[in-house]
Amino acid sequence: MTIKTVDSKGRIALGSRFANKTVIIEEVDETEIRIIAASVIPERELWLHKNEAAMASVQRGLQQAAAGQLTEIDPHEDNALLEELDG
């Protein structure tokens, strides 16, 4: 336990361990707060974290890439597919 004094503007220094980190400040009651280190996910990426199948696929692909299990691509096939999708 550490005792700190809040300054006249309501600020308290948490120390270098929390420097440049995002935190959640939870007000437990009128005399207690809880500070929780947090990570923030941009809204446009949130769907991936909510979709277990998509996340598993991404994780599998990252593991395959790390293991050197890469697929040769044919740029002509990729261009044909793009043209087909563009339509």
PDB file of N, CA and C in Angstrom:
ATOM      1  N   MET A   1       0.851  -1.171   0.000  1.00  0.00           N
ATOM      2  CA  MET A   1       0.000   0.000   0.000  1.00  0.00           C
ATOM      3  C   MET A   1       0.895   1.232   0.000  1.00  0.00           C
ATOM      4  N   THR A   2       0.503   2.236  -0.769  1.00  0.00           N
ATOM      5  CA  THR A   2       1.232   3.492  -0.843  1.00  0.00           C
ATOM      6  C   THR A   2       0.279   4.628  -0.525  1.00  0.00           C
ATOM      7  N   ILE A   3       0.748   5.591   0.224  1.00  0.00           N
ATOM      8  CA  ILE A   3      -0.063   6.767   0.533  1.00  0.00           C
ATOM      9  C   ILE A   3       0.427   7.922  -0.321  1.00  0.00           C
ATOM     10  N   LYS A   4      -0.500   8.581  -1.022  1.00  0.00           N
ATOM     11  CA  LYS A   4      -0.184   9.732  -1.859  1.00  0.00           C
ATOM     12  C   LYS A   4      -1.168  10.836  -1.521  1.00  0.00           C
ATOM     13  N   THR A   5      -0.794  12.069  -1.840  1.00  0.00           N
ATOM     14  CA  THR A   5      -1.666  13.214  -1.614  1.00  0.00           C
ATOM     15  C   THR A   5      -2.142  13.756  -2.953  1.00  0.00           C
ATOM     16  N   VAL A   6      -3.435  13.948  -3.062  1.00  0.00           N
ATOM     17  CA  VAL A   6      -4.027  14.507  -4.272  1.00  0.00           C
ATOM     18  C   VAL A   6      -3.787  16.011  -4.258  1.00  0.00           C
ATOM     19  N   ASP A   7      -3.376  16.581  -5.421  1.00  0.00           N
ATOM     20  CA  ASP A   7      -3.081  18.020  -5.456  1.00  0.00           C
ATOM     21  C   ASP A   7      -4.359  18.849  -5.529  1.00  0.00           C
ATOM     22  N   SER A   8      -4.203  20.162  -5.569  1.00  0.00           N
ATOM     23  CA  SER A   8      -5.344  21.074  -5.521  1.00  0.00           C
ATOM     24  C   SER A   8      -6.245  20.975  -6.753  1.00  0.00           C
ATOM     25  N   LYS A   9      -5.753  20.359  -7.832  1.00  0.00           N
ATOM     26  CA  LYS A   9      -6.565  20.190  -9.042  1.00  0.00           C
ATOM     27  C   LYS A   9      -7.136  18.776  -9.149  1.00  0.00           C
ATOM     28  N   GLY A  10      -6.991  17.972  -8.101  1.00  0.00           N
ATOM     29  CA  GLY A  10      -7.548  16.624  -8.088  1.00  0.00           C
ATOM     30  C   GLY A  10      -6.672  15.591  -8.761  1.00  0.00           C
ATOM     31  N   ARG A  11      -5.399  15.887  -8.958  1.00  0.00           N
ATOM     32  CA  ARG A  11      -4.487  14.961  -9.641  1.00  0.00           C
ATOM     33  C   ARG A  11      -3.640  14.190  -8.650  1.00  0.00           C
ATOM     34  N   ILE A  12      -3.246  12.991  -9.099  1.00  0.00           N
ATOM     35  CA  ILE A  12      -2.351  12.161  -8.307  1.00  0.00           C
ATOM     36  C   ILE A  12      -1.376  11.492  -9.271  1.00  0.00           C
ATOM     37  N   ALA A  13      -0.114  11.427  -8.911  1.00  0.00           N
ATOM     38  CA  ALA A  13       0.891  10.765  -9.749  1.00  0.00           C
ATOM     39  C   ALA A  13       0.898   9.274  -9.404  1.00  0.00           C
ATOM     40  N   LEU A  14       0.777   8.436 -10.439  1.00  0.00           N
ATOM     41  CA  LEU A  14       0.742   6.994 -10.221  1.00  0.00           C
ATOM     42  C   LEU A  14       2.132   6.366 -10.280  1.00  0.00           C
ATOM     43  N   GLY A  15       3.104   7.094 -10.778  1.00  0.00           N
ATOM     44  CA  GLY A  15       4.461   6.569 -10.886  1.00  0.00           C
ATOM     45  C   GLY A  15       4.774   6.090 -12.293  1.00  0.00           C
ATOM     46  N   SER A  16       6.035   5.816 -12.541  1.00  0.00           N
ATOM     47  CA  SER A  16       6.497   5.482 -13.893  1.00  0.00           C
ATOM     48  C   SER A  16       5.913   4.172 -14.424  1.00  0.00           C
ATOM     49  N   ARG A  17       5.497   3.299 -13.550  1.00  0.00           N
ATOM     50  CA  ARG A  17       4.910   2.031 -13.998  1.00  0.00           C
ATOM     51  C   ARG A  17       3.671   2.257 -14.858  1.00  0.00           C
ATOM     52  N   PHE A  18       2.965   3.341 -14.610  1.00  0.00           N
ATOM     53  CA  PHE A  18       1.747   3.647 -15.364  1.00  0.00           C
ATOM     54  C   PHE A  18       1.968   4.710 -16.442  1.00  0.00           C
ATOM     55  N   ALA A  19       3.209   5.168 -16.611  1.00  0.00           N
ATOM     56  CA  ALA A  19       3.492   6.223 -17.580  1.00  0.00           C
ATOM     57  C   ALA A  19       3.037   5.816 -18.978  1.00  0.00           C
ATOM     58  N   ASN A  20       2.315   6.710 -19.642  1.00  0.00           N
ATOM     59  CA  ASN A  20       1.832   6.525 -21.017  1.00  0.00           C
ATOM     60  C   ASN A  20       0.919   5.316 -21.197  1.00  0.00           C
ATOM     61  N   LYS A  21       0.272   4.873 -20.148  1.00  0.00           N
ATOM     62  CA  LYS A  21      -0.670   3.753 -20.233  1.00  0.00           C
ATOM     63  C   LYS A  21      -2.097   4.283 -20.162  1.00  0.00           C
ATOM     64  N   THR A  22      -2.998   3.534 -20.751  1.00  0.00           N
ATOM     65  CA  THR A  22      -4.424   3.830 -20.646  1.00  0.00           C
ATOM     66  C   THR A  22      -4.950   3.111 -19.417  1.00  0.00           C
ATOM     67  N   VAL A  23      -5.766   3.809 -18.635  1.00  0.00           N
ATOM     68  CA  VAL A  23      -6.332   3.205 -17.437  1.00  0.00           C
ATOM     69  C   VAL A  23      -7.837   3.468 -17.384  1.00  0.00           C
ATOM     70  N   ILE A  24      -8.520   2.578 -16.715  1.00  0.00           N
ATOM     71  CA  ILE A  24      -9.938   2.762 -16.397  1.00  0.00           C
ATOM     72  C   ILE A  24      -9.986   3.153 -14.926  1.00  0.00           C
ATOM     73  N   ILE A  25     -10.714   4.207 -14.635  1.00  0.00           N
ATOM     74  CA  ILE A  25     -10.866   4.627 -13.246  1.00  0.00           C
ATOM     75  C   ILE A  25     -12.298   4.315 -12.835  1.00  0.00           C
ATOM     76  N   GLU A  26     -12.427   3.372 -11.948  1.00  0.00           N
ATOM     77  CA  GLU A  26     -13.737   2.908 -11.493  1.00  0.00           C
ATOM     78  C   GLU A  26     -14.014   3.485 -10.114  1.00  0.00           C
ATOM     79  N   GLU A  27     -15.114   4.187 -10.002  1.00  0.00           N
ATOM     80  CA  GLU A  27     -15.511   4.731  -8.700  1.00  0.00           C
ATOM     81  C   GLU A  27     -16.319   3.662  -7.974  1.00  0.00           C
ATOM     82  N   VAL A  28     -15.709   3.051  -6.966  1.00  0.00           N
ATOM     83  CA  VAL A  28     -16.349   1.982  -6.211  1.00  0.00           C
ATOM     84  C   VAL A  28     -17.423   2.558  -5.297  1.00  0.00           C
ATOM     85  N   ASP A  29     -17.088   3.600  -4.588  1.00  0.00           N
ATOM     86  CA  ASP A  29     -18.046   4.352  -3.769  1.00  0.00           C
ATOM     87  C   ASP A  29     -17.453   5.743  -3.543  1.00  0.00           C
ATOM     88  N   GLU A  30     -18.025   6.521  -2.648  1.00  0.00           N
ATOM     89  CA  GLU A  30     -17.569   7.900  -2.445  1.00  0.00           C
ATOM     90  C   GLU A  30     -16.157   8.005  -1.880  1.00  0.00           C
ATOM     91  N   THR A  31     -15.637   6.942  -1.293  1.00  0.00           N
ATOM     92  CA  THR A  31     -14.311   6.996  -0.671  1.00  0.00           C
ATOM     93  C   THR A  31     -13.294   6.074  -1.333  1.00  0.00           C
ATOM     94  N   GLU A  32     -13.697   5.374  -2.380  1.00  0.00           N
ATOM     95  CA  GLU A  32     -12.783   4.400  -2.982  1.00  0.00           C
ATOM     96  C   GLU A  32     -12.858   4.429  -4.500  1.00  0.00           C
ATOM     97  N   ILE A  33     -11.680   4.432  -5.137  1.00  0.00           N
ATOM     98  CA  ILE A  33     -11.606   4.284  -6.585  1.00  0.00           C
ATOM     99  C   ILE A  33     -10.681   3.115  -6.902  1.00  0.00           C
ATOM    100  N   ARG A  34     -10.883   2.535  -8.066  1.00  0.00           N
ATOM    101  CA  ARG A  34     -10.040   1.424  -8.519  1.00  0.00           C
ATOM    102  C   ARG A  34      -9.449   1.836  -9.861  1.00  0.00           C
ATOM    103  N   ILE A  35      -8.149   1.681 -10.017  1.00  0.00           N
ATOM    104  CA  ILE A  35      -7.467   2.019 -11.259  1.00  0.00           C
ATOM    105  C   ILE A  35      -7.036   0.717 -11.926  1.00  0.00           C
ATOM    106  N   ILE A  36      -7.480   0.540 -13.167  1.00  0.00           N
ATOM    107  CA  ILE A  36      -7.252  -0.708 -13.886  1.00  0.00           C
ATOM    108  C   ILE A  36      -6.522  -0.396 -15.190  1.00  0.00           C
ATOM    109  N   ALA A  37      -5.346  -1.000 -15.399  1.00  0.00           N
ATOM    110  CA  ALA A  37      -4.647  -0.845 -16.672  1.00  0.00           C
ATOM    111  C   ALA A  37      -5.512  -1.454 -17.769  1.00  0.00           C
ATOM    112  N   ALA A  38      -5.563  -0.798 -18.928  1.00  0.00           N
ATOM    113  CA  ALA A  38      -6.462  -1.247 -19.989  1.00  0.00           C
ATOM    114  C   ALA A  38      -5.818  -1.099 -21.360  1.00  0.00           C
ATOM    115  N   SER A  39      -6.341  -1.840 -22.306  1.00  0.00           N
ATOM    116  CA  SER A  39      -6.006  -1.686 -23.716  1.00  0.00           C
ATOM    117  C   SER A  39      -7.277  -1.254 -24.424  1.00  0.00           C
ATOM    118  N   VAL A  40      -7.130  -0.442 -25.440  1.00  0.00           N
ATOM    119  CA  VAL A  40      -8.290   0.063 -26.170  1.00  0.00           C
ATOM    120  C   VAL A  40      -8.266  -0.510 -27.582  1.00  0.00           C
ATOM    121  N   ILE A  41      -9.408  -0.996 -28.036  1.00  0.00           N
ATOM    122  CA  ILE A  41      -9.544  -1.534 -29.385  1.00  0.00           C
ATOM    123  C   ILE A  41     -10.336  -0.520 -30.210  1.00  0.00           C
ATOM    124  N   PRO A  42      -9.785  -0.075 -31.343  1.00  0.00           N
ATOM    125  CA  PRO A  42     -10.549   0.842 -32.197  1.00  0.00           C
ATOM    126  C   PRO A  42     -11.870   0.201 -32.635  1.00  0.00           C
ATOM    127  N   GLU A  43     -12.926   0.985 -32.726  1.00  0.00           N
ATOM    128  CA  GLU A  43     -14.250   0.454 -33.072  1.00  0.00           C
ATOM    129  C   GLU A  43     -14.244  -0.311 -34.381  1.00  0.00           C
ATOM    130  N   ARG A  44     -13.466   0.165 -35.364  1.00  0.00           N
ATOM    131  CA  ARG A  44     -13.472  -0.503 -36.666  1.00  0.00           C
ATOM    132  C   ARG A  44     -12.840  -1.894 -36.592  1.00  0.00           C
ATOM    133  N   GLU A  45     -12.099  -2.203 -35.524  1.00  0.00           N
ATOM    134  CA  GLU A  45     -11.477  -3.513 -35.354  1.00  0.00           C
ATOM    135  C   GLU A  45     -12.220  -4.390 -34.338  1.00  0.00           C
ATOM    136  N   LEU A  46     -13.201  -3.840 -33.676  1.00  0.00           N
ATOM    137  CA  LEU A  46     -13.907  -4.545 -32.620  1.00  0.00           C
ATOM    138  C   LEU A  46     -14.619  -5.798 -33.129  1.00  0.00           C
ATOM    139  N   TRP A  47     -15.122  -5.754 -34.363  1.00  0.00           N
ATOM    140  CA  TRP A  47     -15.834  -6.903 -34.929  1.00  0.00           C
ATOM    141  C   TRP A  47     -14.975  -8.165 -34.878  1.00  0.00           C
ATOM    142  N   LEU A  48     -13.663  -8.012 -35.121  1.00  0.00           N
ATOM    143  CA  LEU A  48     -12.778  -9.172 -35.141  1.00  0.00           C
ATOM    144  C   LEU A  48     -12.690  -9.820 -33.762  1.00  0.00           C
ATOM    145  N   HIS A  49     -12.667  -9.021 -32.722  1.00  0.00           N
ATOM    146  CA  HIS A  49     -12.576  -9.542 -31.363  1.00  0.00           C
ATOM    147  C   HIS A  49     -13.889 -10.177 -30.903  1.00  0.00           C
ATOM    148  N   LYS A  50     -14.988  -9.810 -31.557  1.00  0.00           N
ATOM    149  CA  LYS A  50     -16.292 -10.380 -31.219  1.00  0.00           C
ATOM    150  C   LYS A  50     -16.608 -11.627 -32.041  1.00  0.00           C
ATOM    151  N   ASN A  51     -15.887 -11.831 -33.140  1.00  0.00           N
ATOM    152  CA  ASN A  51     -16.158 -12.941 -34.048  1.00  0.00           C
ATOM    153  C   ASN A  51     -15.097 -14.020 -33.831  1.00  0.00           C
ATOM    154  N   GLU A  52     -15.462 -15.068 -33.080  1.00  0.00           N
ATOM    155  CA  GLU A  52     -14.504 -16.111 -32.711  1.00  0.00           C
ATOM    156  C   GLU A  52     -13.914 -16.823 -33.924  1.00  0.00           C
ATOM    157  N   ALA A  53     -14.736 -17.095 -34.935  1.00  0.00           N
ATOM    158  CA  ALA A  53     -14.255 -17.807 -36.124  1.00  0.00           C
ATOM    159  C   ALA A  53     -13.240 -16.958 -36.889  1.00  0.00           C
ATOM    160  N   ALA A  54     -13.539 -15.667 -37.040  1.00  0.00           N
ATOM    161  CA  ALA A  54     -12.617 -14.779 -37.750  1.00  0.00           C
ATOM    162  C   ALA A  54     -11.312 -14.631 -36.972  1.00  0.00           C
ATOM    163  N   MET A  55     -11.392 -14.491 -35.666  1.00  0.00           N
ATOM    164  CA  MET A  55     -10.185 -14.354 -34.847  1.00  0.00           C
ATOM    165  C   MET A  55      -9.348 -15.626 -34.918  1.00  0.00           C
ATOM    166  N   ALA A  56      -9.990 -16.791 -34.870  1.00  0.00           N
ATOM    167  CA  ALA A  56      -9.268 -18.059 -34.970  1.00  0.00           C
ATOM    168  C   ALA A  56      -8.560 -18.164 -36.319  1.00  0.00           C
ATOM    169  N   SER A  57      -9.214 -17.705 -37.369  1.00  0.00           N
ATOM    170  CA  SER A  57      -8.624 -17.740 -38.702  1.00  0.00           C
ATOM    171  C   SER A  57      -7.397 -16.833 -38.783  1.00  0.00           C
ATOM    172  N   VAL A  58      -7.503 -15.642 -38.225  1.00  0.00           N
ATOM    173  CA  VAL A  58      -6.366 -14.713 -38.208  1.00  0.00           C
ATOM    174  C   VAL A  58      -5.216 -15.305 -37.398  1.00  0.00           C
ATOM    175  N   GLN A  59      -5.507 -15.861 -36.231  1.00  0.00           N
ATOM    176  CA  GLN A  59      -4.467 -16.466 -35.392  1.00  0.00           C
ATOM    177  C   GLN A  59      -3.796 -17.633 -36.118  1.00  0.00           C
ATOM    178  N   ARG A  60      -4.595 -18.450 -36.798  1.00  0.00           N
ATOM    179  CA  ARG A  60      -4.055 -19.588 -37.551  1.00  0.00           C
ATOM    180  C   ARG A  60      -3.138 -19.080 -38.670  1.00  0.00           C
ATOM    181  N   GLY A  61      -3.569 -18.057 -39.363  1.00  0.00           N
ATOM    182  CA  GLY A  61      -2.745 -17.481 -40.433  1.00  0.00           C
ATOM    183  C   GLY A  61      -1.438 -16.919 -39.902  1.00  0.00           C
ATOM    184  N   LEU A  62      -1.487 -16.253 -38.752  1.00  0.00           N
ATOM    185  CA  LEU A  62      -0.258 -15.713 -38.157  1.00  0.00           C
ATOM    186  C   LEU A  62       0.693 -16.831 -37.749  1.00  0.00           C
ATOM    187  N   GLN A  63       0.148 -17.918 -37.204  1.00  0.00           N
ATOM    188  CA  GLN A  63       0.986 -19.069 -36.826  1.00  0.00           C
ATOM    189  C   GLN A  63       1.611 -19.708 -38.067  1.00  0.00           C
ATOM    190  N   GLN A  64       0.831 -19.836 -39.138  1.00  0.00           N
ATOM    191  CA  GLN A  64       1.348 -20.418 -40.371  1.00  0.00           C
ATOM    192  C   GLN A  64       2.455 -19.539 -40.956  1.00  0.00           C
ATOM    193  N   ALA A  65       2.242 -18.232 -40.945  1.00  0.00           N
ATOM    194  CA  ALA A  65       3.255 -17.312 -41.467  1.00  0.00           C
ATOM    195  C   ALA A  65       4.529 -17.385 -40.639  1.00  0.00           C
ATOM    196  N   ALA A  66       4.392 -17.447 -39.314  1.00  0.00           N
ATOM    197  CA  ALA A  66       5.562 -17.533 -38.439  1.00  0.00           C
ATOM    198  C   ALA A  66       6.338 -18.828 -38.677  1.00  0.00           C
ATOM    199  N   ALA A  67       5.613 -19.882 -39.050  1.00  0.00           N
ATOM    200  CA  ALA A  67       6.252 -21.179 -39.317  1.00  0.00           C
ATOM    201  C   ALA A  67       6.770 -21.272 -40.749  1.00  0.00           C
ATOM    202  N   GLY A  68       6.602 -20.208 -41.529  1.00  0.00           N
ATOM    203  CA  GLY A  68       7.083 -20.207 -42.911  1.00  0.00           C
ATOM    204  C   GLY A  68       6.179 -20.936 -43.875  1.00  0.00           C
ATOM    205  N   GLN A  69       4.959 -21.233 -43.457  1.00  0.00           N
ATOM    206  CA  GLN A  69       4.000 -21.941 -44.321  1.00  0.00           C
ATOM    207  C   GLN A  69       3.251 -20.922 -45.174  1.00  0.00           C
ATOM    208  N   LEU A  70       3.928 -20.440 -46.210  1.00  0.00           N
ATOM    209  CA  LEU A  70       3.362 -19.404 -47.071  1.00  0.00           C
ATOM    210  C   LEU A  70       2.868 -20.020 -48.366  1.00  0.00           C
ATOM    211  N   THR A  71       1.903 -19.377 -48.979  1.00  0.00           N
ATOM    212  CA  THR A  71       1.331 -19.849 -50.226  1.00  0.00           C
ATOM    213  C   THR A  71       1.850 -18.996 -51.373  1.00  0.00           C
ATOM    214  N   GLU A  72       2.291 -19.670 -52.438  1.00  0.00           N
ATOM    215  CA  GLU A  72       2.699 -18.935 -53.636  1.00  0.00           C
ATOM    216  C   GLU A  72       1.444 -18.360 -54.286  1.00  0.00           C
ATOM    217  N   ILE A  73       1.555 -17.133 -54.767  1.00  0.00           N
ATOM    218  CA  ILE A  73       0.395 -16.513 -55.402  1.00  0.00           C
ATOM    219  C   ILE A  73       0.700 -16.258 -56.876  1.00  0.00           C
ATOM    220  N   ASP A  74      -0.344 -16.268 -57.664  1.00  0.00           N
ATOM    221  CA  ASP A  74      -0.247 -15.933 -59.075  1.00  0.00           C
ATOM    222  C   ASP A  74      -0.876 -14.556 -59.240  1.00  0.00           C
ATOM    223  N   PRO A  75      -0.067 -13.527 -59.516  1.00  0.00           N
ATOM    224  CA  PRO A  75      -0.628 -12.175 -59.609  1.00  0.00           C
ATOM    225  C   PRO A  75      -1.703 -12.039 -60.676  1.00  0.00           C
ATOM    226  N   HIS A  76      -1.630 -12.865 -61.735  1.00  0.00           N
ATOM    227  CA  HIS A  76      -2.655 -12.802 -62.786  1.00  0.00           C
ATOM    228  C   HIS A  76      -3.989 -13.297 -62.255  1.00  0.00           C
ATOM    229  N   GLU A  77      -3.963 -14.351 -61.449  1.00  0.00           N
ATOM    230  CA  GLU A  77      -5.202 -14.854 -60.843  1.00  0.00           C
ATOM    231  C   GLU A  77      -5.787 -13.821 -59.892  1.00  0.00           C
ATOM    232  N   ASP A  78      -4.924 -13.185 -59.106  1.00  0.00           N
ATOM    233  CA  ASP A  78      -5.400 -12.168 -58.162  1.00  0.00           C
ATOM    234  C   ASP A  78      -6.037 -11.004 -58.903  1.00  0.00           C
ATOM    235  N   ASN A  79      -5.433 -10.568 -60.008  1.00  0.00           N
ATOM    236  CA  ASN A  79      -5.998  -9.464 -60.791  1.00  0.00           C
ATOM    237  C   ASN A  79      -7.338  -9.855 -61.385  1.00  0.00           C
ATOM    238  N   ALA A  80      -7.433 -11.103 -61.862  1.00  0.00           N
ATOM    239  CA  ALA A  80      -8.707 -11.561 -62.435  1.00  0.00           C
ATOM    240  C   ALA A  80      -9.792 -11.595 -61.371  1.00  0.00           C
ATOM    241  N   LEU A  81      -9.447 -12.031 -60.183  1.00  0.00           N
ATOM    242  CA  LEU A  81     -10.417 -12.065 -59.101  1.00  0.00           C
ATOM    243  C   LEU A  81     -10.851 -10.647 -58.733  1.00  0.00           C
ATOM    244  N   LEU A  82      -9.900  -9.727 -58.649  1.00  0.00           N
ATOM    245  CA  LEU A  82     -10.252  -8.333 -58.333  1.00  0.00           C
ATOM    246  C   LEU A  82     -11.173  -7.748 -59.383  1.00  0.00           C
ATOM    247  N   GLU A  83     -10.882  -8.009 -60.663  1.00  0.00           N
ATOM    248  CA  GLU A  83     -11.734  -7.496 -61.739  1.00  0.00           C
ATOM    249  C   GLU A  83     -13.133  -8.093 -61.638  1.00  0.00           C
ATOM    250  N   GLU A  84     -13.194  -9.388 -61.290  1.00  0.00           N
ATOM    251  CA  GLU A  84     -14.494 -10.059 -61.151  1.00  0.00           C
ATOM    252  C   GLU A  84     -15.289  -9.445 -59.999  1.00  0.00           C
ATOM    253  N   LEU A  85     -14.616  -9.177 -58.889  1.00  0.00           N
ATOM    254  CA  LEU A  85     -15.298  -8.596 -57.742  1.00  0.00           C
ATOM    255  C   LEU A  85     -15.725  -7.157 -57.988  1.00  0.00           C
ATOM    256  N   ASP A  86     -14.908  -6.410 -58.722  1.00  0.00           N
ATOM    257  CA  ASP A  86     -15.257  -5.015 -59.043  1.00  0.00           C
ATOM    258  C   ASP A  86     -16.400  -4.935 -60.045  1.00  0.00           C
ATOM    259  N   GLY A  87     -16.551  -5.986 -60.800  1.00  0.00           N
ATOM    260  CA  GLY A  87     -17.579  -6.134 -61.641  1.00  0.00           C
ATOM    261  C   GLY A  87     -18.204  -5.741 -62.773  1.00  0.00           C
TER     262      GLY A  87
END
